[in-house]
Amino acid sequence: LFSFLVFLRYQIYYGYPLQTYLEYPIIIAQDVILLLFILRFSGNMKRALFYAVTFWGGWYMLTLRKWIIDLAMNLCTLISAASKLAQLRCLWQTKDSGQVSALTWSMSAYTSASKLRATWYKALSFQFLKPYLLLMPLSIDLHSSIV
């Protein structure tokens, strides 16, 4: 959720075309609804206010200075890559990909490739292109280790 918020805020901050970030508000809404369901059914609804205030405050703090939003974007790239590398490591260690959906990883690789292509053709910043350059090969590698 944090990464999606940072990606959305980054694109709004730098004035990217609406088409490049239109899916992020929808994804964020889905994640917020999922988080609310998790909090509701685990009996932790009191934490919802804490999360709402944290994300709302973070939304505004991201654009206090240019270096903050740029740093947050780099950290999101690092977190996403670390997550995919941890998943790859787990798959290689267990030698069992039975719990992983090949369709999900195919969609992930396709999404990264299509975002990379769209970003490349719109000549947006390298800062925004970097996550897709890094995550697409990891998604493809995960897909190939599953199949």
Protein backbone atom coordinates (compact mmCIF):
# COMPACT_ATOMS: atom_id res chain seq x y z
CA LEU A 1 0.00 0.00 0.00
CA PHE A 2 2.84 2.36 0.86
CA SER A 3 4.50 1.72 -2.51
CA PHE A 4 1.31 2.40 -4.41
CA LEU A 5 0.80 5.64 -2.48
CA VAL A 6 4.37 6.73 -3.21
CA PHE A 7 4.09 5.87 -6.92
CA LEU A 8 0.81 7.79 -7.17
CA ARG A 9 2.12 10.80 -5.27
CA TYR A 10 5.35 10.82 -7.29
CA GLN A 11 3.49 10.91 -10.59
CA ILE A 12 1.08 13.61 -9.42
CA TYR A 13 3.98 15.66 -8.00
CA TYR A 14 5.93 15.59 -11.26
CA GLY A 15 2.84 16.17 -13.43
CA TYR A 16 2.78 12.91 -15.37
CA PRO A 17 -0.17 12.30 -17.70
CA LEU A 18 -3.25 10.84 -16.00
CA GLN A 19 -3.05 7.66 -18.13
CA THR A 20 0.23 6.68 -16.49
CA TYR A 21 -1.18 6.48 -12.99
CA LEU A 22 -4.92 5.96 -13.35
CA GLU A 23 -4.78 2.39 -12.01
CA TYR A 24 -3.09 3.39 -8.73
CA PRO A 25 -6.16 4.99 -7.07
CA ILE A 26 -8.13 1.83 -7.87
CA ILE A 27 -5.40 -0.45 -6.51
CA ILE A 28 -5.08 1.73 -3.39
CA ALA A 29 -8.85 1.59 -2.81
CA GLN A 30 -8.75 -2.22 -3.13
CA ASP A 31 -5.87 -2.45 -0.66
CA VAL A 32 -7.58 -0.14 1.83
CA ILE A 33 -10.79 -2.20 1.65
CA LEU A 34 -8.79 -5.41 2.11
CA LEU A 35 -6.92 -3.89 5.06
CA LEU A 36 -10.21 -2.80 6.64
CA PHE A 37 -11.62 -6.32 6.26
CA ILE A 38 -8.49 -7.80 7.82
CA LEU A 39 -8.64 -5.35 10.72
CA ARG A 40 -12.39 -5.90 11.17
CA PHE A 41 -12.28 -9.68 11.24
CA SER A 42 -9.16 -9.85 13.39
CA GLY A 43 -10.78 -7.53 15.96
CA ASN A 44 -8.30 -4.69 15.49
CA MET A 45 -10.54 -1.94 14.10
CA LYS A 46 -8.99 0.53 16.56
CA ARG A 47 -5.80 0.35 14.51
CA ALA A 48 -7.63 1.55 11.40
CA LEU A 49 -7.53 5.15 12.64
CA PHE A 50 -3.79 4.86 13.31
CA TYR A 51 -3.17 3.55 9.78
CA ALA A 52 -5.40 6.21 8.24
CA VAL A 53 -3.59 9.03 10.06
CA THR A 54 -0.19 7.52 9.21
CA PHE A 55 -0.93 7.21 5.50
CA TRP A 56 -2.68 10.58 5.33
CA GLY A 57 0.28 12.27 7.04
CA GLY A 58 2.73 10.40 4.83
CA TRP A 59 0.81 11.52 1.74
CA TYR A 60 1.51 15.16 2.59
CA MET A 61 4.99 14.69 4.01
CA LEU A 62 6.17 13.09 0.76
CA THR A 63 6.03 16.40 -1.05
CA LEU A 64 7.49 18.68 1.60
CA ARG A 65 10.81 18.51 -0.22
CA LYS A 66 11.80 17.10 -3.60
CA TRP A 67 14.45 14.81 -2.09
CA ILE A 68 11.84 13.16 0.17
CA ILE A 69 9.66 11.99 -2.72
CA ASP A 70 12.73 10.89 -4.69
CA LEU A 71 14.08 8.94 -1.71
CA ALA A 72 10.69 7.33 -1.09
CA MET A 73 10.54 6.24 -4.74
CA ASN A 74 13.99 4.63 -4.45
CA LEU A 75 13.02 2.89 -1.22
CA CYS A 76 9.86 1.49 -2.82
CA THR A 77 11.95 0.07 -5.65
CA LEU A 78 14.29 -1.49 -3.12
CA ILE A 79 11.42 -2.96 -1.07
CA SER A 80 9.73 -4.43 -4.16
CA ALA A 81 12.96 -5.96 -5.42
CA ALA A 82 13.81 -7.35 -1.98
CA SER A 83 10.37 -8.94 -1.78
CA LYS A 84 10.75 -10.64 -5.14
CA LEU A 85 14.29 -11.78 -4.29
CA ALA A 86 13.06 -13.24 -0.98
CA GLN A 87 10.35 -15.13 -2.85
CA LEU A 88 12.88 -16.42 -5.37
CA ARG A 89 15.20 -17.53 -2.59
CA CYS A 90 12.38 -19.38 -0.86
CA LEU A 91 11.42 -21.13 -4.10
CA TRP A 92 15.01 -22.17 -4.78
CA GLN A 93 15.57 -23.43 -1.23
CA THR A 94 12.36 -25.44 -1.00
CA LYS A 95 12.44 -26.60 -4.63
CA ASP A 96 8.64 -26.50 -4.39
CA SER A 97 6.54 -24.01 -6.30
CA GLY A 98 3.24 -25.73 -5.55
CA GLN A 99 1.92 -22.76 -3.57
CA VAL A 100 2.69 -20.24 -6.31
CA SER A 101 0.39 -19.52 -9.22
CA ALA A 102 2.09 -19.41 -12.61
CA LEU A 103 -0.77 -17.23 -13.85
CA THR A 104 -0.13 -14.65 -11.11
CA TRP A 105 3.56 -14.43 -11.92
CA SER A 106 2.83 -14.29 -15.65
CA MET A 107 0.51 -11.37 -15.02
CA SER A 108 3.16 -9.70 -12.87
CA ALA A 109 5.80 -10.06 -15.58
CA TYR A 110 3.36 -8.86 -18.25
CA THR A 111 2.34 -5.85 -16.12
CA SER A 112 5.97 -4.88 -15.55
CA ALA A 113 6.75 -5.24 -19.25
CA SER A 114 3.73 -3.21 -20.34
CA LYS A 115 4.45 -0.46 -17.79
CA LEU A 116 8.07 -0.43 -18.92
CA ARG A 117 7.02 -0.09 -22.54
CA ALA A 118 4.44 2.63 -21.83
CA THR A 119 6.88 4.56 -19.65
CA TRP A 120 9.62 4.25 -22.26
CA TYR A 121 7.41 5.57 -25.08
CA LYS A 122 6.13 8.49 -23.02
CA ALA A 123 9.75 9.44 -22.25
CA LEU A 124 9.09 9.79 -18.56
CA SER A 125 11.91 10.03 -16.04
CA PHE A 126 14.44 7.30 -15.40
CA GLN A 127 13.42 7.48 -11.74
CA PHE A 128 9.99 6.17 -12.70
CA LEU A 129 11.39 3.72 -15.27
CA LYS A 130 13.87 2.15 -12.83
CA PRO A 131 11.40 0.02 -10.81
CA TYR A 132 10.07 -1.65 -13.92
CA LEU A 133 13.56 -2.25 -15.31
CA LEU A 134 14.44 -4.03 -12.10
CA LEU A 135 11.20 -5.87 -11.36
CA MET A 136 10.42 -7.23 -14.82
CA PRO A 137 13.44 -9.59 -14.98
CA LEU A 138 12.73 -10.75 -11.42
CA SER A 139 9.11 -11.47 -12.33
CA ILE A 140 10.18 -13.35 -15.44
CA ASP A 141 12.73 -15.32 -13.42
CA LEU A 142 10.10 -16.21 -10.83
CA HIS A 143 7.74 -17.29 -13.59
CA SER A 144 10.39 -19.50 -15.19
CA SER A 145 11.21 -21.11 -11.85
CA ILE A 146 7.53 -21.94 -11.34
CA VAL A 147 6.89 -23.42 -14.78
